[in-house]
Amino acid sequence: MDARAWLAIYAEELGVAPPSEEEVERLLALAGVAAHSSERIAAPIACWLTARAGTSPEDALAIAERIGGADG
């Protein structure tokens, strides 16, 4: 089973729609920024916080990019 199929089944079990291609790309970018700006564990937790806050992947990525550049 590939990731897209797994995510579709998981989304169905959760009672939500699976992410669009754009959402997947933004979430992967968010995870990358979080991991590279901090530690690897920040990637999945940042995505979880995004969902918990009800923030769009696009807005979350913008926030993460702003924070990621804060020290440089």
PDB file of N, CA and C in Angstrom:
ATOM      1  N   MET A   1       0.856  -1.173   0.000  1.00  0.00           N
ATOM      2  CA  MET A   1       0.000   0.000   0.000  1.00  0.00           C
ATOM      3  C   MET A   1       0.905   1.241   0.000  1.00  0.00           C
ATOM      4  N   ASP A   2       0.606   2.185  -0.872  1.00  0.00           N
ATOM      5  CA  ASP A   2       1.407   3.411  -0.893  1.00  0.00           C
ATOM      6  C   ASP A   2       0.835   4.427   0.103  1.00  0.00           C
ATOM      7  N   ALA A   3       1.556   5.529   0.283  1.00  0.00           N
ATOM      8  CA  ALA A   3       1.175   6.533   1.280  1.00  0.00           C
ATOM      9  C   ALA A   3      -0.188   7.143   0.995  1.00  0.00           C
ATOM     10  N   ARG A   4      -0.470   7.429  -0.261  1.00  0.00           N
ATOM     11  CA  ARG A   4      -1.753   8.060  -0.604  1.00  0.00           C
ATOM     12  C   ARG A   4      -2.922   7.146  -0.242  1.00  0.00           C
ATOM     13  N   ALA A   5      -2.787   5.865  -0.542  1.00  0.00           N
ATOM     14  CA  ALA A   5      -3.848   4.910  -0.214  1.00  0.00           C
ATOM     15  C   ALA A   5      -4.012   4.794   1.302  1.00  0.00           C
ATOM     16  N   TRP A   6      -2.888   4.727   2.014  1.00  0.00           N
ATOM     17  CA  TRP A   6      -2.945   4.619   3.466  1.00  0.00           C
ATOM     18  C   TRP A   6      -3.618   5.845   4.063  1.00  0.00           C
ATOM     19  N   LEU A   7      -3.235   7.017   3.583  1.00  0.00           N
ATOM     20  CA  LEU A   7      -3.832   8.257   4.086  1.00  0.00           C
ATOM     21  C   LEU A   7      -5.328   8.334   3.795  1.00  0.00           C
ATOM     22  N   ALA A   8      -5.736   7.849   2.643  1.00  0.00           N
ATOM     23  CA  ALA A   8      -7.160   7.845   2.301  1.00  0.00           C
ATOM     24  C   ALA A   8      -7.943   6.955   3.270  1.00  0.00           C
ATOM     25  N   ILE A   9      -7.413   5.799   3.567  1.00  0.00           N
ATOM     26  CA  ILE A   9      -8.076   4.884   4.504  1.00  0.00           C
ATOM     27  C   ILE A   9      -8.077   5.476   5.908  1.00  0.00           C
ATOM     28  N   TYR A  10      -6.950   6.043   6.313  1.00  0.00           N
ATOM     29  CA  TYR A  10      -6.844   6.657   7.636  1.00  0.00           C
ATOM     30  C   TYR A  10      -7.836   7.810   7.773  1.00  0.00           C
ATOM     31  N   ALA A  11      -7.909   8.656   6.754  1.00  0.00           N
ATOM     32  CA  ALA A  11      -8.856   9.778   6.770  1.00  0.00           C
ATOM     33  C   ALA A  11     -10.286   9.268   6.896  1.00  0.00           C
ATOM     34  N   GLU A  12     -10.603   8.229   6.158  1.00  0.00           N
ATOM     35  CA  GLU A  12     -11.949   7.649   6.234  1.00  0.00           C
ATOM     36  C   GLU A  12     -12.250   7.165   7.650  1.00  0.00           C
ATOM     37  N   GLU A  13     -11.293   6.513   8.265  1.00  0.00           N
ATOM     38  CA  GLU A  13     -11.475   6.022   9.643  1.00  0.00           C
ATOM     39  C   GLU A  13     -11.673   7.185  10.623  1.00  0.00           C
ATOM     40  N   LEU A  14     -11.007   8.308  10.348  1.00  0.00           N
ATOM     41  CA  LEU A  14     -11.147   9.481  11.206  1.00  0.00           C
ATOM     42  C   LEU A  14     -12.418  10.273  10.909  1.00  0.00           C
ATOM     43  N   GLY A  15     -13.049   9.983   9.774  1.00  0.00           N
ATOM     44  CA  GLY A  15     -14.270  10.674   9.401  1.00  0.00           C
ATOM     45  C   GLY A  15     -14.016  12.031   8.761  1.00  0.00           C
ATOM     46  N   VAL A  16     -12.864  12.168   8.097  1.00  0.00           N
ATOM     47  CA  VAL A  16     -12.523  13.423   7.417  1.00  0.00           C
ATOM     48  C   VAL A  16     -12.102  13.118   5.982  1.00  0.00           C
ATOM     49  N   ALA A  17     -12.045  14.170   5.175  1.00  0.00           N
ATOM     50  CA  ALA A  17     -11.581  14.007   3.796  1.00  0.00           C
ATOM     51  C   ALA A  17     -10.060  13.881   3.796  1.00  0.00           C
ATOM     52  N   PRO A  18      -9.523  13.099   2.884  1.00  0.00           N
ATOM     53  CA  PRO A  18      -8.056  13.015   2.780  1.00  0.00           C
ATOM     54  C   PRO A  18      -7.506  14.343   2.274  1.00  0.00           C
ATOM     55  N   PRO A  19      -6.237  14.622   2.531  1.00  0.00           N
ATOM     56  CA  PRO A  19      -5.658  15.882   2.076  1.00  0.00           C
ATOM     57  C   PRO A  19      -5.537  15.932   0.557  1.00  0.00           C
ATOM     58  N   SER A  20      -5.679  17.149   0.035  1.00  0.00           N
ATOM     59  CA  SER A  20      -5.463  17.350  -1.403  1.00  0.00           C
ATOM     60  C   SER A  20      -3.972  17.266  -1.697  1.00  0.00           C
ATOM     61  N   GLU A  21      -3.628  17.195  -2.973  1.00  0.00           N
ATOM     62  CA  GLU A  21      -2.216  17.178  -3.356  1.00  0.00           C
ATOM     63  C   GLU A  21      -1.500  18.423  -2.833  1.00  0.00           C
ATOM     64  N   GLU A  22      -2.159  19.577  -2.957  1.00  0.00           N
ATOM     65  CA  GLU A  22      -1.565  20.831  -2.477  1.00  0.00           C
ATOM     66  C   GLU A  22      -1.345  20.785  -0.968  1.00  0.00           C
ATOM     67  N   GLU A  23      -2.326  20.270  -0.236  1.00  0.00           N
ATOM     68  CA  GLU A  23      -2.184  20.161   1.216  1.00  0.00           C
ATOM     69  C   GLU A  23      -1.038  19.231   1.586  1.00  0.00           C
ATOM     70  N   VAL A  24      -0.913  18.123   0.875  1.00  0.00           N
ATOM     71  CA  VAL A  24       0.191  17.193   1.128  1.00  0.00           C
ATOM     72  C   VAL A  24       1.520  17.891   0.908  1.00  0.00           C
ATOM     73  N   GLU A  25       1.651  18.609  -0.192  1.00  0.00           N
ATOM     74  CA  GLU A  25       2.900  19.310  -0.495  1.00  0.00           C
ATOM     75  C   GLU A  25       3.219  20.347   0.574  1.00  0.00           C
ATOM     76  N   ARG A  26       2.219  21.098   1.014  1.00  0.00           N
ATOM     77  CA  ARG A  26       2.439  22.121   2.048  1.00  0.00           C
ATOM     78  C   ARG A  26       2.803  21.479   3.389  1.00  0.00           C
ATOM     79  N   LEU A  27       2.142  20.389   3.725  1.00  0.00           N
ATOM     80  CA  LEU A  27       2.465  19.711   4.981  1.00  0.00           C
ATOM     81  C   LEU A  27       3.873  19.117   4.959  1.00  0.00           C
ATOM     82  N   LEU A  28       4.269  18.573   3.816  1.00  0.00           N
ATOM     83  CA  LEU A  28       5.634  18.058   3.701  1.00  0.00           C
ATOM     84  C   LEU A  28       6.651  19.191   3.809  1.00  0.00           C
ATOM     85  N   ALA A  29       6.322  20.334   3.217  1.00  0.00           N
ATOM     86  CA  ALA A  29       7.211  21.495   3.325  1.00  0.00           C
ATOM     87  C   ALA A  29       7.274  21.979   4.775  1.00  0.00           C
ATOM     88  N   LEU A  30       6.123  22.026   5.441  1.00  0.00           N
ATOM     89  CA  LEU A  30       6.074  22.408   6.853  1.00  0.00           C
ATOM     90  C   LEU A  30       6.954  21.473   7.681  1.00  0.00           C
ATOM     91  N   ALA A  31       6.809  20.192   7.470  1.00  0.00           N
ATOM     92  CA  ALA A  31       7.614  19.215   8.202  1.00  0.00           C
ATOM     93  C   ALA A  31       9.102  19.430   7.947  1.00  0.00           C
ATOM     94  N   GLY A  32       9.447  19.730   6.703  1.00  0.00           N
ATOM     95  CA  GLY A  32      10.843  19.975   6.363  1.00  0.00           C
ATOM     96  C   GLY A  32      11.397  21.202   7.059  1.00  0.00           C
ATOM     97  N   VAL A  33      10.632  22.283   7.064  1.00  0.00           N
ATOM     98  CA  VAL A  33      11.077  23.511   7.734  1.00  0.00           C
ATOM     99  C   VAL A  33      11.238  23.254   9.229  1.00  0.00           C
ATOM    100  N   ALA A  34      10.255  22.603   9.830  1.00  0.00           N
ATOM    101  CA  ALA A  34      10.318  22.327  11.269  1.00  0.00           C
ATOM    102  C   ALA A  34      11.537  21.475  11.613  1.00  0.00           C
ATOM    103  N   ALA A  35      11.771  20.441  10.840  1.00  0.00           N
ATOM    104  CA  ALA A  35      12.888  19.538  11.118  1.00  0.00           C
ATOM    105  C   ALA A  35      14.241  20.215  10.903  1.00  0.00           C
ATOM    106  N   HIS A  36      14.359  20.995   9.855  1.00  0.00           N
ATOM    107  CA  HIS A  36      15.639  21.613   9.537  1.00  0.00           C
ATOM    108  C   HIS A  36      15.921  22.849  10.382  1.00  0.00           C
ATOM    109  N   SER A  37      14.882  23.466  10.934  1.00  0.00           N
ATOM    110  CA  SER A  37      15.061  24.642  11.786  1.00  0.00           C
ATOM    111  C   SER A  37      15.273  24.271  13.242  1.00  0.00           C
ATOM    112  N   SER A  38      14.992  23.020  13.570  1.00  0.00           N
ATOM    113  CA  SER A  38      15.019  22.578  14.955  1.00  0.00           C
ATOM    114  C   SER A  38      15.596  21.168  15.018  1.00  0.00           C
ATOM    115  N   GLU A  39      14.772  20.231  15.416  1.00  0.00           N
ATOM    116  CA  GLU A  39      15.118  18.817  15.456  1.00  0.00           C
ATOM    117  C   GLU A  39      14.068  18.037  14.682  1.00  0.00           C
ATOM    118  N   ARG A  40      14.410  16.826  14.290  1.00  0.00           N
ATOM    119  CA  ARG A  40      13.492  16.010  13.486  1.00  0.00           C
ATOM    120  C   ARG A  40      12.137  15.814  14.150  1.00  0.00           C
ATOM    121  N   ILE A  41      12.134  15.713  15.471  1.00  0.00           N
ATOM    122  CA  ILE A  41      10.851  15.474  16.157  1.00  0.00           C
ATOM    123  C   ILE A  41       9.881  16.629  15.982  1.00  0.00           C
ATOM    124  N   ALA A  42      10.375  17.808  15.619  1.00  0.00           N
ATOM    125  CA  ALA A  42       9.488  18.955  15.425  1.00  0.00           C
ATOM    126  C   ALA A  42       8.561  18.764  14.226  1.00  0.00           C
ATOM    127  N   ALA A  43       8.967  17.958  13.250  1.00  0.00           N
ATOM    128  CA  ALA A  43       8.178  17.789  12.027  1.00  0.00           C
ATOM    129  C   ALA A  43       6.780  17.219  12.282  1.00  0.00           C
ATOM    130  N   PRO A  44       6.651  16.047  12.884  1.00  0.00           N
ATOM    131  CA  PRO A  44       5.291  15.525  13.077  1.00  0.00           C
ATOM    132  C   PRO A  44       4.492  16.328  14.092  1.00  0.00           C
ATOM    133  N   ILE A  45       5.177  16.871  15.099  1.00  0.00           N
ATOM    134  CA  ILE A  45       4.458  17.636  16.114  1.00  0.00           C
ATOM    135  C   ILE A  45       3.950  18.950  15.529  1.00  0.00           C
ATOM    136  N   ALA A  46       4.714  19.579  14.649  1.00  0.00           N
ATOM    137  CA  ALA A  46       4.255  20.807  13.990  1.00  0.00           C
ATOM    138  C   ALA A  46       3.001  20.527  13.162  1.00  0.00           C
ATOM    139  N   CYS A  47       2.974  19.404  12.470  1.00  0.00           N
ATOM    140  CA  CYS A  47       1.787  19.044  11.683  1.00  0.00           C
ATOM    141  C   CYS A  47       0.592  18.783  12.606  1.00  0.00           C
ATOM    142  N   TRP A  48       0.830  18.132  13.726  1.00  0.00           N
ATOM    143  CA  TRP A  48      -0.238  17.876  14.695  1.00  0.00           C
ATOM    144  C   TRP A  48      -0.765  19.192  15.262  1.00  0.00           C
ATOM    145  N   LEU A  49       0.148  20.121  15.614  1.00  0.00           N
ATOM    146  CA  LEU A  49      -0.276  21.418  16.126  1.00  0.00           C
ATOM    147  C   LEU A  49      -1.090  22.196  15.092  1.00  0.00           C
ATOM    148  N   THR A  50      -0.705  22.087  13.836  1.00  0.00           N
ATOM    149  CA  THR A  50      -1.438  22.732  12.757  1.00  0.00           C
ATOM    150  C   THR A  50      -2.883  22.251  12.735  1.00  0.00           C
ATOM    151  N   ALA A  51      -3.060  20.940  12.808  1.00  0.00           N
ATOM    152  CA  ALA A  51      -4.410  20.375  12.816  1.00  0.00           C
ATOM    153  C   ALA A  51      -5.164  20.771  14.077  1.00  0.00           C
ATOM    154  N   ARG A  52      -4.489  20.722  15.198  1.00  0.00           N
ATOM    155  CA  ARG A  52      -5.136  21.057  16.471  1.00  0.00           C
ATOM    156  C   ARG A  52      -5.619  22.501  16.481  1.00  0.00           C
ATOM    157  N   ALA A  53      -4.829  23.392  15.862  1.00  0.00           N
ATOM    158  CA  ALA A  53      -5.186  24.805  15.807  1.00  0.00           C
ATOM    159  C   ALA A  53      -6.218  25.110  14.726  1.00  0.00           C
ATOM    160  N   GLY A  54      -6.454  24.147  13.833  1.00  0.00           N
ATOM    161  CA  GLY A  54      -7.379  24.381  12.735  1.00  0.00           C
ATOM    162  C   GLY A  54      -6.804  25.328  11.698  1.00  0.00           C
ATOM    163  N   THR A  55      -5.491  25.375  11.617  1.00  0.00           N
ATOM    164  CA  THR A  55      -4.793  26.261  10.692  1.00  0.00           C
ATOM    165  C   THR A  55      -4.573  25.543   9.366  1.00  0.00           C
ATOM    166  N   SER A  56      -4.673  26.270   8.269  1.00  0.00           N
ATOM    167  CA  SER A  56      -4.431  25.653   6.966  1.00  0.00           C
ATOM    168  C   SER A  56      -2.952  25.315   6.813  1.00  0.00           C
ATOM    169  N   PRO A  57      -2.637  24.287   6.035  1.00  0.00           N
ATOM    170  CA  PRO A  57      -1.229  23.979   5.786  1.00  0.00           C
ATOM    171  C   PRO A  57      -0.471  25.167   5.195  1.00  0.00           C
ATOM    172  N   GLU A  58      -1.129  25.947   4.355  1.00  0.00           N
ATOM    173  CA  GLU A  58      -0.483  27.115   3.744  1.00  0.00           C
ATOM    174  C   GLU A  58      -0.103  28.147   4.806  1.00  0.00           C
ATOM    175  N   ASP A  59      -1.033  28.463   5.703  1.00  0.00           N
ATOM    176  CA  ASP A  59      -0.751  29.430   6.764  1.00  0.00           C
ATOM    177  C   ASP A  59       0.297  28.887   7.732  1.00  0.00           C
ATOM    178  N   ALA A  60       0.204  27.609   8.041  1.00  0.00           N
ATOM    179  CA  ALA A  60       1.171  26.996   8.948  1.00  0.00           C
ATOM    180  C   ALA A  60       2.577  27.040   8.355  1.00  0.00           C
ATOM    181  N   LEU A  61       2.689  26.793   7.065  1.00  0.00           N
ATOM    182  CA  LEU A  61       3.995  26.845   6.410  1.00  0.00           C
ATOM    183  C   LEU A  61       4.577  28.252   6.486  1.00  0.00           C
ATOM    184  N   ALA A  62       3.752  29.270   6.270  1.00  0.00           N
ATOM    185  CA  ALA A  62       4.222  30.652   6.347  1.00  0.00           C
ATOM    186  C   ALA A  62       4.743  30.973   7.754  1.00  0.00           C
ATOM    187  N   ILE A  63       4.027  30.526   8.761  1.00  0.00           N
ATOM    188  CA  ILE A  63       4.457  30.740  10.140  1.00  0.00           C
ATOM    189  C   ILE A  63       5.779  30.023  10.401  1.00  0.00           C
ATOM    190  N   ALA A  64       5.862  28.770   9.985  1.00  0.00           N
ATOM    191  CA  ALA A  64       7.081  27.991  10.200  1.00  0.00           C
ATOM    192  C   ALA A  64       8.282  28.617   9.484  1.00  0.00           C
ATOM    193  N   GLU A  65       8.062  29.113   8.276  1.00  0.00           N
ATOM    194  CA  GLU A  65       9.154  29.754   7.545  1.00  0.00           C
ATOM    195  C   GLU A  65       9.602  31.020   8.261  1.00  0.00           C
ATOM    196  N   ARG A  66       8.674  31.767   8.815  1.00  0.00           N
ATOM    197  CA  ARG A  66       9.016  32.976   9.561  1.00  0.00           C
ATOM    198  C   ARG A  66       9.831  32.603  10.812  1.00  0.00           C
ATOM    199  N   ILE A  67       9.390  31.599  11.535  1.00  0.00           N
ATOM    200  CA  ILE A  67      10.093  31.163  12.740  1.00  0.00           C
ATOM    201  C   ILE A  67      11.450  30.564  12.382  1.00  0.00           C
ATOM    202  N   GLY A  68      11.472  29.767  11.321  1.00  0.00           N
ATOM    203  CA  GLY A  68      12.714  29.127  10.912  1.00  0.00           C
ATOM    204  C   GLY A  68      13.812  30.109  10.575  1.00  0.00           C
ATOM    205  N   GLY A  69      13.430  31.284  10.071  1.00  0.00           N
ATOM    206  CA  GLY A  69      14.409  32.303   9.727  1.00  0.00           C
ATOM    207  C   GLY A  69      14.717  33.241  10.877  1.00  0.00           C
ATOM    208  N   ALA A  70      14.083  33.022  12.043  1.00  0.00           N
ATOM    209  CA  ALA A  70      14.234  33.932  13.164  1.00  0.00           C
ATOM    210  C   ALA A  70      15.655  33.981  13.718  1.00  0.00           C
ATOM    211  N   ASP A  71      16.380  32.863  13.604  1.00  0.00           N
ATOM    212  CA  ASP A  71      17.725  32.850  14.167  1.00  0.00           C
ATOM    213  C   ASP A  71      18.806  33.143  13.142  1.00  0.00           C
ATOM    214  N   GLY A  72      18.427  33.298  11.896  1.00  0.00           N
ATOM    215  CA  GLY A  72      19.438  33.480  10.875  1.00  0.00           C
ATOM    216  C   GLY A  72      19.302  34.764  10.217  1.00  0.00           C
TER     217      GLY A  72
END
